[in-house]
Amino acid sequence: MLLVLLNSLARRIFAVSRRCPGRSLFHRARTCMGAAHDPHTPLVAFPRETPIGVCSMNRLLVKLAITAAAGGLLFSTPVVAQIPPPQKRAEHVEITKAPELESAHDDTAIVRWTTTNPRGDDEHYGIVHYGTDPEDLSQTAKGHIRLNRTHPETIFRVRMQDLKPQTTYYYKVTSMGSGGKSVGVESVVNQFTTPAPGERIVNYRADGSLPPAYRTATPQPK
């Protein structure tokens, strides 16, 4: 809006300056009247540095342009993104779909599970504690997720890396907010076995649907 105003004022200044010959209105009137004016009657002189009439608008318009620009800088309010405050944490969170293997290669695996929406911080993390001994789940993997406030449930997916092929791993899952506080729900211990080198296990399609679990050979690079 300010740019439009300044552009309009600039055009008016340019138009007026073209119509103005650079002399005062008094000087032009005196020239035009010539001999018709009584030579014995002195003319009332205006100072040359104080033009009158149309040309005097130049300075006025310049002042208006400067005032508008200064006012825009002083009173403009920057647009700040509105970040909604965190939701109230859910009093009780439940695992509505038990954790299970989504897919696995000989050295990586993805586990997924579903809970009721924990609310609270929008930024959450799915946590998987795992190991080759069900009594020693000392390894940890974490997966970030941003909660959808409108959904009653939340799906967590966590990737585990640097696994060994054809090895059985035991794991349990939980989740926490961005501050590190647990939502207070934890699964029982589950297990999966990684495939042989060059193979993979797929329990979910790319769109999240559930095909029968299958094992397939991974094409090797040529």
Foldseek 3Di string as FASTA:
>chain_A
DLVVVLVVLVVVLVVLVVVDPLWAPVVVVPVVCPPVDDPVDDDDDDDRVQHDDSVNVNVVSVVVNVVSVVVCVVPPDDDDDDDDAFDDFDPDKDFPFAKDWAKAAQFKTKIKTKMFQRTGAQKKKKKKQKDLDQVPSPDMWIDIDGDDPVDRMDMHMTMDGRHHGQGKMKIKIFMDHPVPHTSPDIDDIDMDHHHHHQKMWHQADPVGDGDHIDMDGHDDDD
